[in-house]
Amino acid sequence: GPWLRDVVTTAWTPDAADVDRALAAAAAGARQVARLAPARRAAILERASALAKEHRDRLALVVARELGKP
């Protein structure tokens, strides 16, 4: 973390082509999501919530370490 100056996580740095691909995928994804029934969108969000809860300890540890919290 910041206080110990150790690496907690790494992130890749995209180039312009990566950004263009991400924007195109986001636009296509937005169109797909817009076609989903509200109940299906809700189910997807519920699943994301359940996964976040399932992995909350690991997620909290990464966030705490990134912020330098004990």
PDB file of N, CA and C in Angstrom:
ATOM      1  N   GLY A   1       0.806  -1.184   0.000  1.00  0.00           N
ATOM      2  CA  GLY A   1       0.000   0.000   0.000  1.00  0.00           C
ATOM      3  C   GLY A   1       0.848   1.246   0.000  1.00  0.00           C
ATOM      4  N   PRO A   2       0.234   2.401   0.013  1.00  0.00           N
ATOM      5  CA  PRO A   2       0.952   3.666  -0.049  1.00  0.00           C
ATOM      6  C   PRO A   2       1.967   3.868   1.073  1.00  0.00           C
ATOM      7  N   TRP A   3       1.633   3.418   2.276  1.00  0.00           N
ATOM      8  CA  TRP A   3       2.530   3.673   3.402  1.00  0.00           C
ATOM      9  C   TRP A   3       3.771   2.817   3.341  1.00  0.00           C
ATOM     10  N   LEU A   4       3.671   1.628   2.841  1.00  0.00           N
ATOM     11  CA  LEU A   4       4.820   0.735   2.747  1.00  0.00           C
ATOM     12  C   LEU A   4       5.475   0.796   1.372  1.00  0.00           C
ATOM     13  N   ARG A   5       4.840   1.491   0.467  1.00  0.00           N
ATOM     14  CA  ARG A   5       5.318   1.634  -0.906  1.00  0.00           C
ATOM     15  C   ARG A   5       5.445   0.283  -1.613  1.00  0.00           C
ATOM     16  N   ASP A   6       4.542  -0.652  -1.281  1.00  0.00           N
ATOM     17  CA  ASP A   6       4.542  -1.926  -1.990  1.00  0.00           C
ATOM     18  C   ASP A   6       3.412  -1.926  -3.017  1.00  0.00           C
ATOM     19  N   VAL A   7       3.557  -2.765  -4.020  1.00  0.00           N
ATOM     20  CA  VAL A   7       2.565  -2.846  -5.080  1.00  0.00           C
ATOM     21  C   VAL A   7       1.390  -3.688  -4.591  1.00  0.00           C
ATOM     22  N   VAL A   8       0.201  -3.128  -4.669  1.00  0.00           N
ATOM     23  CA  VAL A   8      -1.005  -3.830  -4.250  1.00  0.00           C
ATOM     24  C   VAL A   8      -1.684  -4.445  -5.459  1.00  0.00           C
ATOM     25  N   THR A   9      -1.900  -3.659  -6.470  1.00  0.00           N
ATOM     26  CA  THR A   9      -2.506  -4.122  -7.708  1.00  0.00           C
ATOM     27  C   THR A   9      -1.809  -3.425  -8.873  1.00  0.00           C
ATOM     28  N   THR A  10      -1.979  -3.980 -10.042  1.00  0.00           N
ATOM     29  CA  THR A  10      -1.443  -3.333 -11.237  1.00  0.00           C
ATOM     30  C   THR A  10      -2.585  -3.170 -12.236  1.00  0.00           C
ATOM     31  N   ALA A  11      -2.435  -2.208 -13.082  1.00  0.00           N
ATOM     32  CA  ALA A  11      -3.442  -1.966 -14.115  1.00  0.00           C
ATOM     33  C   ALA A  11      -2.721  -1.787 -15.445  1.00  0.00           C
ATOM     34  N   TRP A  12      -3.372  -2.265 -16.469  1.00  0.00           N
ATOM     35  CA  TRP A  12      -2.793  -2.132 -17.796  1.00  0.00           C
ATOM     36  C   TRP A  12      -3.159  -0.756 -18.336  1.00  0.00           C
ATOM     37  N   THR A  13      -2.275  -0.190 -19.140  1.00  0.00           N
ATOM     38  CA  THR A  13      -2.498   1.118 -19.736  1.00  0.00           C
ATOM     39  C   THR A  13      -2.921   0.919 -21.191  1.00  0.00           C
ATOM     40  N   PRO A  14      -4.160   1.296 -21.523  1.00  0.00           N
ATOM     41  CA  PRO A  14      -4.637   1.085 -22.892  1.00  0.00           C
ATOM     42  C   PRO A  14      -4.020   2.078 -23.865  1.00  0.00           C
ATOM     43  N   ASP A  15      -3.950   1.673 -25.122  1.00  0.00           N
ATOM     44  CA  ASP A  15      -3.551   2.611 -26.162  1.00  0.00           C
ATOM     45  C   ASP A  15      -4.828   3.105 -26.862  1.00  0.00           C
ATOM     46  N   ALA A  16      -4.675   3.953 -27.844  1.00  0.00           N
ATOM     47  CA  ALA A  16      -5.831   4.556 -28.517  1.00  0.00           C
ATOM     48  C   ALA A  16      -6.742   3.488 -29.138  1.00  0.00           C
ATOM     49  N   ALA A  17      -6.158   2.445 -29.698  1.00  0.00           N
ATOM     50  CA  ALA A  17      -6.970   1.382 -30.303  1.00  0.00           C
ATOM     51  C   ALA A  17      -7.785   0.643 -29.235  1.00  0.00           C
ATOM     52  N   ASP A  18      -7.181   0.436 -28.072  1.00  0.00           N
ATOM     53  CA  ASP A  18      -7.908  -0.207 -26.971  1.00  0.00           C
ATOM     54  C   ASP A  18      -9.102   0.641 -26.545  1.00  0.00           C
ATOM     55  N   VAL A  19      -8.897   1.943 -26.469  1.00  0.00           N
ATOM     56  CA  VAL A  19      -9.979   2.854 -26.084  1.00  0.00           C
ATOM     57  C   VAL A  19     -11.096   2.808 -27.122  1.00  0.00           C
ATOM     58  N   ASP A  20     -10.726   2.815 -28.387  1.00  0.00           N
ATOM     59  CA  ASP A  20     -11.740   2.743 -29.449  1.00  0.00           C
ATOM     60  C   ASP A  20     -12.547   1.447 -29.357  1.00  0.00           C
ATOM     61  N   ARG A  21     -11.863   0.339 -29.116  1.00  0.00           N
ATOM     62  CA  ARG A  21     -12.563  -0.949 -28.979  1.00  0.00           C
ATOM     63  C   ARG A  21     -13.482  -0.941 -27.763  1.00  0.00           C
ATOM     64  N   ALA A  22     -13.019  -0.366 -26.663  1.00  0.00           N
ATOM     65  CA  ALA A  22     -13.840  -0.310 -25.448  1.00  0.00           C
ATOM     66  C   ALA A  22     -15.081   0.545 -25.674  1.00  0.00           C
ATOM     67  N   LEU A  23     -14.928   1.664 -26.362  1.00  0.00           N
ATOM     68  CA  LEU A  23     -16.075   2.527 -26.645  1.00  0.00           C
ATOM     69  C   LEU A  23     -17.086   1.821 -27.548  1.00  0.00           C
ATOM     70  N   ALA A  24     -16.592   1.106 -28.551  1.00  0.00           N
ATOM     71  CA  ALA A  24     -17.496   0.369 -29.442  1.00  0.00           C
ATOM     72  C   ALA A  24     -18.221  -0.738 -28.673  1.00  0.00           C
ATOM     73  N   ALA A  25     -17.506  -1.441 -27.812  1.00  0.00           N
ATOM     74  CA  ALA A  25     -18.134  -2.501 -27.016  1.00  0.00           C
ATOM     75  C   ALA A  25     -19.161  -1.917 -26.055  1.00  0.00           C
ATOM     76  N   ALA A  26     -18.860  -0.771 -25.471  1.00  0.00           N
ATOM     77  CA  ALA A  26     -19.807  -0.135 -24.551  1.00  0.00           C
ATOM     78  C   ALA A  26     -21.075   0.281 -25.286  1.00  0.00           C
ATOM     79  N   ALA A  27     -20.930   0.829 -26.485  1.00  0.00           N
ATOM     80  CA  ALA A  27     -22.103   1.234 -27.263  1.00  0.00           C
ATOM     81  C   ALA A  27     -22.950   0.018 -27.633  1.00  0.00           C
ATOM     82  N   ALA A  28     -22.293  -1.062 -28.062  1.00  0.00           N
ATOM     83  CA  ALA A  28     -23.027  -2.281 -28.411  1.00  0.00           C
ATOM     84  C   ALA A  28     -23.701  -2.857 -27.173  1.00  0.00           C
ATOM     85  N   GLY A  29     -22.994  -2.856 -26.054  1.00  0.00           N
ATOM     86  CA  GLY A  29     -23.564  -3.366 -24.810  1.00  0.00           C
ATOM     87  C   GLY A  29     -24.756  -2.545 -24.358  1.00  0.00           C
ATOM     88  N   ALA A  30     -24.666  -1.238 -24.509  1.00  0.00           N
ATOM     89  CA  ALA A  30     -25.784  -0.376 -24.116  1.00  0.00           C
ATOM     90  C   ALA A  30     -27.025  -0.696 -24.946  1.00  0.00           C
ATOM     91  N   ARG A  31     -26.833  -0.964 -26.232  1.00  0.00           N
ATOM     92  CA  ARG A  31     -27.974  -1.328 -27.080  1.00  0.00           C
ATOM     93  C   ARG A  31     -28.579  -2.657 -26.638  1.00  0.00           C
ATOM     94  N   GLN A  32     -27.712  -3.611 -26.282  1.00  0.00           N
ATOM     95  CA  GLN A  32     -28.202  -4.915 -25.816  1.00  0.00           C
ATOM     96  C   GLN A  32     -28.984  -4.764 -24.516  1.00  0.00           C
ATOM     97  N   VAL A  33     -28.447  -4.013 -23.579  1.00  0.00           N
ATOM     98  CA  VAL A  33     -29.110  -3.828 -22.285  1.00  0.00           C
ATOM     99  C   VAL A  33     -30.445  -3.113 -22.471  1.00  0.00           C
ATOM    100  N   ALA A  34     -30.501  -2.162 -23.383  1.00  0.00           N
ATOM    101  CA  ALA A  34     -31.746  -1.427 -23.623  1.00  0.00           C
ATOM    102  C   ALA A  34     -32.856  -2.359 -24.106  1.00  0.00           C
ATOM    103  N   ARG A  35     -32.470  -3.455 -24.771  1.00  0.00           N
ATOM    104  CA  ARG A  35     -33.473  -4.406 -25.277  1.00  0.00           C
ATOM    105  C   ARG A  35     -33.930  -5.408 -24.216  1.00  0.00           C
ATOM    106  N   LEU A  36     -33.228  -5.474 -23.093  1.00  0.00           N
ATOM    107  CA  LEU A  36     -33.594  -6.433 -22.049  1.00  0.00           C
ATOM    108  C   LEU A  36     -34.845  -5.969 -21.307  1.00  0.00           C
ATOM    109  N   ALA A  37     -35.622  -6.919 -20.891  1.00  0.00           N
ATOM    110  CA  ALA A  37     -36.789  -6.617 -20.064  1.00  0.00           C
ATOM    111  C   ALA A  37     -36.290  -6.106 -18.711  1.00  0.00           C
ATOM    112  N   PRO A  38     -37.030  -5.199 -18.097  1.00  0.00           N
ATOM    113  CA  PRO A  38     -36.612  -4.675 -16.789  1.00  0.00           C
ATOM    114  C   PRO A  38     -36.348  -5.779 -15.760  1.00  0.00           C
ATOM    115  N   ALA A  39     -37.133  -6.829 -15.763  1.00  0.00           N
ATOM    116  CA  ALA A  39     -36.923  -7.923 -14.812  1.00  0.00           C
ATOM    117  C   ALA A  39     -35.576  -8.600 -15.051  1.00  0.00           C
ATOM    118  N   ARG A  40     -35.182  -8.749 -16.307  1.00  0.00           N
ATOM    119  CA  ARG A  40     -33.883  -9.368 -16.633  1.00  0.00           C
ATOM    120  C   ARG A  40     -32.744  -8.466 -16.175  1.00  0.00           C
ATOM    121  N   ARG A  41     -32.878  -7.153 -16.403  1.00  0.00           N
ATOM    122  CA  ARG A  41     -31.842  -6.214 -15.931  1.00  0.00           C
ATOM    123  C   ARG A  41     -31.727  -6.284 -14.421  1.00  0.00           C
ATOM    124  N   ALA A  42     -32.878  -6.358 -13.736  1.00  0.00           N
ATOM    125  CA  ALA A  42     -32.870  -6.457 -12.276  1.00  0.00           C
ATOM    126  C   ALA A  42     -32.177  -7.736 -11.828  1.00  0.00           C
ATOM    127  N   ALA A  43     -32.414  -8.828 -12.530  1.00  0.00           N
ATOM    128  CA  ALA A  43     -31.782 -10.098 -12.180  1.00  0.00           C
ATOM    129  C   ALA A  43     -30.269 -10.026 -12.329  1.00  0.00           C
ATOM    130  N   ILE A  44     -29.820  -9.349 -13.363  1.00  0.00           N
ATOM    131  CA  ILE A  44     -28.382  -9.187 -13.581  1.00  0.00           C
ATOM    132  C   ILE A  44     -27.777  -8.366 -12.443  1.00  0.00           C
ATOM    133  N   LEU A  45     -28.427  -7.290 -12.054  1.00  0.00           N
ATOM    134  CA  LEU A  45     -27.932  -6.464 -10.950  1.00  0.00           C
ATOM    135  C   LEU A  45     -27.956  -7.232  -9.631  1.00  0.00           C
ATOM    136  N   GLU A  46     -28.986  -8.046  -9.433  1.00  0.00           N
ATOM    137  CA  GLU A  46     -29.047  -8.876  -8.219  1.00  0.00           C
ATOM    138  C   GLU A  46     -27.872  -9.849  -8.183  1.00  0.00           C
ATOM    139  N   ARG A  47     -27.552 -10.439  -9.326  1.00  0.00           N
ATOM    140  CA  ARG A  47     -26.421 -11.373  -9.396  1.00  0.00           C
ATOM    141  C   ARG A  47     -25.103 -10.657  -9.105  1.00  0.00           C
ATOM    142  N   ALA A  48     -24.939  -9.462  -9.667  1.00  0.00           N
ATOM    143  CA  ALA A  48     -23.728  -8.680  -9.401  1.00  0.00           C
ATOM    144  C   ALA A  48     -23.623  -8.363  -7.909  1.00  0.00           C
ATOM    145  N   SER A  49     -24.737  -8.006  -7.307  1.00  0.00           N
ATOM    146  CA  SER A  49     -24.762  -7.725  -5.876  1.00  0.00           C
ATOM    147  C   SER A  49     -24.391  -8.965  -5.065  1.00  0.00           C
ATOM    148  N   ALA A  50     -24.937 -10.108  -5.442  1.00  0.00           N
ATOM    149  CA  ALA A  50     -24.638 -11.347  -4.730  1.00  0.00           C
ATOM    150  C   ALA A  50     -23.155 -11.696  -4.844  1.00  0.00           C
ATOM    151  N   LEU A  51     -22.579 -11.495  -6.027  1.00  0.00           N
ATOM    152  CA  LEU A  51     -21.152 -11.782  -6.207  1.00  0.00           C
ATOM    153  C   LEU A  51     -20.289 -10.834  -5.385  1.00  0.00           C
ATOM    154  N   ALA A  52     -20.670  -9.550  -5.339  1.00  0.00           N
ATOM    155  CA  ALA A  52     -19.920  -8.590  -4.529  1.00  0.00           C
ATOM    156  C   ALA A  52     -19.984  -8.989  -3.053  1.00  0.00           C
ATOM    157  N   LYS A  53     -21.159  -9.409  -2.600  1.00  0.00           N
ATOM    158  CA  LYS A  53     -21.284  -9.857  -1.206  1.00  0.00           C
ATOM    159  C   LYS A  53     -20.456 -11.107  -0.957  1.00  0.00           C
ATOM    160  N   GLU A  54     -20.484 -12.027  -1.903  1.00  0.00           N
ATOM    161  CA  GLU A  54     -19.733 -13.278  -1.765  1.00  0.00           C
ATOM    162  C   GLU A  54     -18.237 -13.023  -1.645  1.00  0.00           C
ATOM    163  N   HIS A  55     -17.750 -12.025  -2.355  1.00  0.00           N
ATOM    164  CA  HIS A  55     -16.314 -11.724  -2.383  1.00  0.00           C
ATOM    165  C   HIS A  55     -15.966 -10.463  -1.598  1.00  0.00           C
ATOM    166  N   ARG A  56     -16.847 -10.036  -0.706  1.00  0.00           N
ATOM    167  CA  ARG A  56     -16.651  -8.756  -0.021  1.00  0.00           C
ATOM    168  C   ARG A  56     -15.355  -8.686   0.772  1.00  0.00           C
ATOM    169  N   ASP A  57     -14.941  -9.777   1.395  1.00  0.00           N
ATOM    170  CA  ASP A  57     -13.706  -9.734   2.177  1.00  0.00           C
ATOM    171  C   ASP A  57     -12.495  -9.453   1.282  1.00  0.00           C
ATOM    172  N   ARG A  58     -12.431 -10.145   0.145  1.00  0.00           N
ATOM    173  CA  ARG A  58     -11.318  -9.903  -0.788  1.00  0.00           C
ATOM    174  C   ARG A  58     -11.377  -8.499  -1.357  1.00  0.00           C
ATOM    175  N   LEU A  59     -12.572  -8.052  -1.728  1.00  0.00           N
ATOM    176  CA  LEU A  59     -12.718  -6.701  -2.282  1.00  0.00           C
ATOM    177  C   LEU A  59     -12.328  -5.651  -1.244  1.00  0.00           C
ATOM    178  N   ALA A  60     -12.771  -5.841  -0.003  1.00  0.00           N
ATOM    179  CA  ALA A  60     -12.450  -4.885   1.055  1.00  0.00           C
ATOM    180  C   ALA A  60     -10.946  -4.846   1.305  1.00  0.00           C
ATOM    181  N   LEU A  61     -10.300  -5.993   1.268  1.00  0.00           N
ATOM    182  CA  LEU A  61      -8.856  -6.041   1.486  1.00  0.00           C
ATOM    183  C   LEU A  61      -8.111  -5.270   0.405  1.00  0.00           C
ATOM    184  N   VAL A  62      -8.484  -5.453  -0.827  1.00  0.00           N
ATOM    185  CA  VAL A  62      -7.815  -4.737  -1.919  1.00  0.00           C
ATOM    186  C   VAL A  62      -8.024  -3.226  -1.773  1.00  0.00           C
ATOM    187  N   VAL A  63      -9.252  -2.812  -1.521  1.00  0.00           N
ATOM    188  CA  VAL A  63      -9.520  -1.381  -1.366  1.00  0.00           C
ATOM    189  C   VAL A  63      -8.740  -0.815  -0.170  1.00  0.00           C
ATOM    190  N   ALA A  64      -8.759  -1.521   0.941  1.00  0.00           N
ATOM    191  CA  ALA A  64      -8.040  -1.055   2.131  1.00  0.00           C
ATOM    192  C   ALA A  64      -6.548  -0.941   1.866  1.00  0.00           C
ATOM    193  N   ARG A  65      -5.987  -1.937   1.204  1.00  0.00           N
ATOM    194  CA  ARG A  65      -4.549  -1.890   0.907  1.00  0.00           C
ATOM    195  C   ARG A  65      -4.225  -0.780  -0.071  1.00  0.00           C
ATOM    196  N   GLU A  66      -5.083  -0.570  -1.076  1.00  0.00           N
ATOM    197  CA  GLU A  66      -4.832   0.510  -2.034  1.00  0.00           C
ATOM    198  C   GLU A  66      -4.851   1.872  -1.354  1.00  0.00           C
ATOM    199  N   LEU A  67      -5.702   2.018  -0.339  1.00  0.00           N
ATOM    200  CA  LEU A  67      -5.816   3.292   0.361  1.00  0.00           C
ATOM    201  C   LEU A  67      -4.864   3.415   1.547  1.00  0.00           C
ATOM    202  N   GLY A  68      -4.132   2.343   1.845  1.00  0.00           N
ATOM    203  CA  GLY A  68      -3.189   2.388   2.952  1.00  0.00           C
ATOM    204  C   GLY A  68      -3.836   2.229   4.309  1.00  0.00           C
ATOM    205  N   LYS A  69      -5.007   1.611   4.358  1.00  0.00           N
ATOM    206  CA  LYS A  69      -5.704   1.405   5.634  1.00  0.00           C
ATOM    207  C   LYS A  69      -5.198   0.122   6.278  1.00  0.00           C
ATOM    208  N   PRO A  70      -5.224   0.074   7.617  1.00  0.00           N
ATOM    209  CA  PRO A  70      -4.804  -1.164   8.281  1.00  0.00           C
ATOM    210  C   PRO A  70      -5.856  -2.245   8.153  1.00  0.00           C
TER     211      PRO A  70
END
